[in-house]
Amino acid sequence: MAVLIEWVTQIIIFLLLASVVDLLIPSKSMKKYVKLTVGLILILIFLKPVFYVFDMDVKQTLERSFMQLEEEQEQVTETENLLKKQKNEIQDSQHAYILEEMAVQLKKTANKSLEQKYEQKAADIDLQMSQKTNLTYENLNDHLEQVDVTLQKAQDEEGVEAVEDIVIDSEGNRVSDKDEAAIDLQGIKKLLHNVWDIDKEKITIIGEGGSS
């Protein structure tokens, strides 16, 4: 309503000013051009509401377009972040599965020799790799930073721990093999190095007899 009142007021004021200008111009030749100019301006004033409505529509349309673009950009960003997160989760899951399979394979290849020579077995193997992709058993040594091997006393087929040889000293005290000599950790590391073809410096033994 205020816009309409302002528009009508402008028309009235302009008509009054046009009448005053028409009276002040003495030359008839000049009045011809003045009236033409006044008429054009008056037409523009009459069309002002149309321009106003059109301008408002354009402004609102642009604002809606920008808001829509921002919302779409946010959705695209959220989708990209979600896909990246899912990709990382899949890669981590695949990496963990590959390491688990490698650890199982390493146990199988080493436990037989460990049981025969040291009466020990690899109860757990933790592989620390320098990368998470393109891992295979063949390139294991290239990307392996460290392998932690947890040893455990080997048991027979029925699950009963192997019986230690008993030694009686001169005073009649019982002495086991374990008391006589600690586990040969360096020998175990050398055995694992030969069986796995992994650098000895990357092998860490954890379990009975200490850590090395």
Protein backbone atom coordinates (compact mmCIF):
# COMPACT_ATOMS: atom_id res chain seq x y z
CA MET A 1 0.00 0.00 0.00
CA ALA A 2 2.85 2.39 0.84
CA VAL A 3 4.42 1.71 -2.57
CA LEU A 4 1.13 2.59 -4.33
CA ILE A 5 0.75 5.85 -2.39
CA GLU A 6 4.35 6.81 -3.20
CA TRP A 7 3.76 6.08 -6.88
CA VAL A 8 0.60 8.22 -7.08
CA THR A 9 2.35 11.04 -5.19
CA GLN A 10 5.23 11.00 -7.67
CA ILE A 11 2.77 11.27 -10.60
CA ILE A 12 0.98 14.24 -9.05
CA ILE A 13 4.21 16.05 -8.18
CA PHE A 14 5.61 15.42 -11.64
CA LEU A 15 2.46 16.76 -13.34
CA LEU A 16 2.62 19.91 -11.24
CA LEU A 17 6.28 20.41 -12.08
CA ALA A 18 5.58 19.78 -15.77
CA SER A 19 2.84 22.46 -15.73
CA VAL A 20 5.20 24.97 -14.11
CA VAL A 21 7.94 24.22 -16.66
CA ASP A 22 5.44 24.59 -19.49
CA LEU A 23 4.47 28.04 -18.22
CA LEU A 24 8.07 29.15 -17.77
CA ILE A 25 9.18 28.30 -21.32
CA PRO A 26 8.28 31.19 -23.66
CA SER A 27 9.48 29.71 -26.94
CA LYS A 28 6.97 27.56 -28.75
CA SER A 29 9.73 25.59 -30.48
CA MET A 30 11.25 24.65 -27.13
CA LYS A 31 7.90 23.64 -25.68
CA LYS A 32 7.62 20.95 -28.35
CA TYR A 33 10.80 19.20 -27.14
CA VAL A 34 10.01 19.78 -23.46
CA LYS A 35 6.56 18.22 -23.82
CA LEU A 36 8.11 15.20 -25.57
CA THR A 37 10.60 14.76 -22.77
CA VAL A 38 7.95 15.26 -20.10
CA GLY A 39 5.70 12.74 -21.81
CA LEU A 40 8.44 10.10 -21.90
CA ILE A 41 9.27 10.67 -18.25
CA LEU A 42 5.60 10.44 -17.33
CA ILE A 43 5.30 7.14 -19.18
CA LEU A 44 8.28 5.80 -17.25
CA ILE A 45 6.69 6.91 -13.99
CA PHE A 46 3.44 5.16 -14.92
CA LEU A 47 5.39 1.97 -15.74
CA LYS A 48 7.39 2.11 -12.53
CA PRO A 49 5.18 -0.49 -10.70
CA VAL A 50 5.76 -2.91 -13.56
CA PHE A 51 9.51 -2.39 -13.34
CA TYR A 52 9.32 -2.73 -9.56
CA VAL A 53 7.46 -6.04 -9.73
CA PHE A 54 9.81 -7.32 -12.42
CA ASP A 55 12.84 -6.26 -10.40
CA MET A 56 11.52 -7.99 -7.29
CA ASP A 57 10.86 -11.20 -9.22
CA VAL A 58 14.36 -11.19 -10.67
CA LYS A 59 15.91 -10.52 -7.28
CA GLN A 60 13.91 -13.25 -5.60
CA THR A 61 14.67 -15.66 -8.43
CA LEU A 62 18.40 -14.95 -8.16
CA GLU A 63 18.32 -15.36 -4.39
CA ARG A 64 16.51 -18.68 -4.70
CA SER A 65 18.98 -19.83 -7.36
CA PHE A 66 21.98 -18.95 -5.21
CA MET A 67 20.44 -20.67 -2.19
CA GLN A 68 19.73 -23.76 -4.27
CA LEU A 69 23.29 -23.79 -5.61
CA GLU A 70 24.69 -23.52 -2.07
CA GLU A 71 22.46 -26.36 -0.87
CA GLU A 72 23.49 -28.54 -3.82
CA GLN A 73 27.16 -27.75 -3.17
CA GLU A 74 26.76 -28.72 0.48
CA GLN A 75 25.06 -31.96 -0.52
CA VAL A 76 27.86 -32.72 -3.01
CA THR A 77 30.48 -32.03 -0.31
CA GLU A 78 28.66 -34.23 2.20
CA THR A 79 28.35 -37.00 -0.39
CA GLU A 80 32.06 -36.78 -1.23
CA ASN A 81 33.01 -36.89 2.44
CA LEU A 82 30.71 -39.87 3.02
CA LEU A 83 32.14 -41.73 0.02
CA LYS A 84 35.68 -40.96 1.17
CA LYS A 85 34.88 -42.22 4.66
CA GLN A 86 33.31 -45.41 3.30
CA LYS A 87 36.29 -45.92 1.00
CA ASN A 88 38.71 -45.57 3.93
CA GLU A 89 36.64 -47.99 6.00
CA ILE A 90 36.63 -50.52 3.17
CA GLN A 91 40.39 -50.13 2.70
CA ASP A 92 41.01 -50.54 6.44
CA SER A 93 38.81 -53.64 6.49
CA GLN A 94 40.60 -55.12 3.48
CA HIS A 95 43.97 -54.24 5.00
CA ALA A 96 43.08 -55.95 8.29
CA TYR A 97 41.81 -59.04 6.45
CA ILE A 98 44.96 -59.28 4.32
CA LEU A 99 47.20 -58.96 7.39
CA GLU A 100 45.19 -61.62 9.20
CA GLU A 101 45.53 -64.01 6.28
CA MET A 102 49.25 -63.29 6.04
CA ALA A 103 49.67 -63.94 9.77
CA VAL A 104 47.86 -67.29 9.43
CA GLN A 105 50.11 -68.22 6.51
CA LEU A 106 53.25 -67.25 8.44
CA LYS A 107 52.15 -69.37 11.41
CA LYS A 108 51.62 -72.39 9.20
CA THR A 109 55.04 -72.10 7.60
CA ALA A 110 56.91 -71.54 10.89
CA ASN A 111 55.20 -73.58 13.60
CA LYS A 112 56.31 -76.99 12.41
CA SER A 113 60.00 -76.00 12.51
CA LEU A 114 59.55 -74.15 15.81
CA GLU A 115 57.91 -77.16 17.47
CA GLN A 116 60.53 -79.60 16.21
CA LYS A 117 63.58 -77.53 17.17
CA TYR A 118 62.47 -75.40 20.15
CA GLU A 119 59.17 -76.91 21.34
CA GLN A 120 57.61 -73.51 20.76
CA LYS A 121 54.94 -72.17 18.43
CA ALA A 122 53.85 -68.76 17.16
CA ALA A 123 50.65 -68.09 19.10
CA ASP A 124 50.16 -64.62 17.63
CA ILE A 125 51.76 -62.59 14.86
CA ASP A 126 51.35 -58.82 14.53
CA LEU A 127 52.42 -57.30 11.21
CA GLN A 128 53.21 -53.59 10.96
CA MET A 129 53.24 -52.42 7.36
CA SER A 130 54.39 -49.20 5.68
CA GLN A 131 51.36 -49.12 3.36
CA LYS A 132 47.84 -50.50 3.18
CA THR A 133 47.43 -51.26 -0.53
CA ASN A 134 48.80 -53.81 -2.99
CA LEU A 135 49.99 -56.13 -0.22
CA THR A 136 50.88 -59.70 -1.16
CA TYR A 137 52.87 -62.47 0.46
CA GLU A 138 55.52 -62.04 -2.24
CA ASN A 139 56.17 -58.32 -1.50
CA LEU A 140 55.73 -58.70 2.26
CA ASN A 141 59.38 -58.00 3.08
CA ASP A 142 59.36 -54.84 0.95
CA HIS A 143 56.55 -53.17 2.91
CA LEU A 144 57.06 -54.79 6.30
CA GLU A 145 58.32 -52.50 9.06
CA GLN A 146 58.14 -54.94 11.96
CA VAL A 147 56.66 -58.32 12.85
CA ASP A 148 55.96 -59.14 16.50
CA VAL A 149 55.88 -62.89 17.19
CA THR A 150 54.34 -64.07 20.45
CA LEU A 151 55.72 -67.48 21.41
CA GLN A 152 53.91 -70.15 23.35
CA LYS A 153 54.96 -73.55 24.64
CA ALA A 154 54.04 -76.19 22.10
CA GLN A 155 51.48 -78.83 23.06
CA ASP A 156 50.96 -82.34 21.81
CA GLU A 157 48.03 -83.39 19.62
CA GLU A 158 45.73 -83.96 22.61
CA GLY A 159 46.33 -80.45 23.91
CA VAL A 160 48.57 -81.56 26.78
CA GLU A 161 51.70 -79.51 27.29
CA ALA A 162 54.84 -81.38 26.37
CA VAL A 163 56.54 -82.99 29.38
CA GLU A 164 59.83 -81.41 30.30
CA ASP A 165 62.92 -83.55 30.77
CA ILE A 166 63.69 -83.78 34.50
CA VAL A 167 67.24 -83.43 35.75
CA ILE A 168 68.24 -84.17 39.36
CA ASP A 169 71.27 -82.31 40.67
CA SER A 170 73.82 -83.67 43.17
CA GLU A 171 71.71 -82.46 46.13
CA GLY A 172 68.57 -84.17 44.92
CA ASN A 173 66.83 -81.03 43.68
CA ARG A 174 64.73 -81.09 40.50
CA VAL A 175 66.04 -78.94 37.65
CA SER A 176 64.15 -78.52 34.38
CA ASP A 177 65.58 -77.78 30.95
CA LYS A 178 64.03 -74.35 31.22
CA ASP A 179 66.11 -73.66 34.30
CA GLU A 180 69.27 -74.86 32.63
CA ALA A 181 69.08 -72.59 29.61
CA ALA A 182 66.84 -69.82 28.40
CA ILE A 183 65.12 -70.07 25.06
CA ASP A 184 67.47 -69.33 22.18
CA LEU A 185 65.74 -66.21 20.91
CA GLN A 186 68.44 -65.43 18.39
CA GLY A 187 68.19 -68.97 17.08
CA ILE A 188 64.43 -68.60 16.73
CA LYS A 189 64.86 -65.31 14.91
CA LYS A 190 67.33 -66.96 12.55
CA LEU A 191 64.92 -69.83 11.95
CA LEU A 192 62.05 -67.44 11.20
CA HIS A 193 64.33 -65.45 8.92
CA ASN A 194 65.15 -68.58 6.93
CA VAL A 195 61.55 -69.82 6.81
CA TRP A 196 59.87 -66.49 6.02
CA ASP A 197 62.69 -64.79 4.12
CA ILE A 198 62.22 -61.71 6.31
CA ASP A 199 65.07 -59.57 7.63
CA LYS A 200 66.01 -60.55 11.19
CA GLU A 201 66.08 -56.88 12.21
CA LYS A 202 62.35 -56.70 11.53
CA ILE A 203 61.49 -59.70 13.71
CA THR A 204 60.67 -59.19 17.38
CA ILE A 205 60.14 -62.21 19.65
CA ILE A 206 57.64 -61.88 22.51
CA GLY A 207 56.76 -64.55 25.02
CA GLU A 208 58.58 -67.20 27.01
CA GLY A 209 62.16 -66.33 27.73
CA GLY A 210 61.62 -62.58 27.34
CA SER A 211 61.59 -60.26 24.35
CA SER A 212 64.18 -59.76 21.62
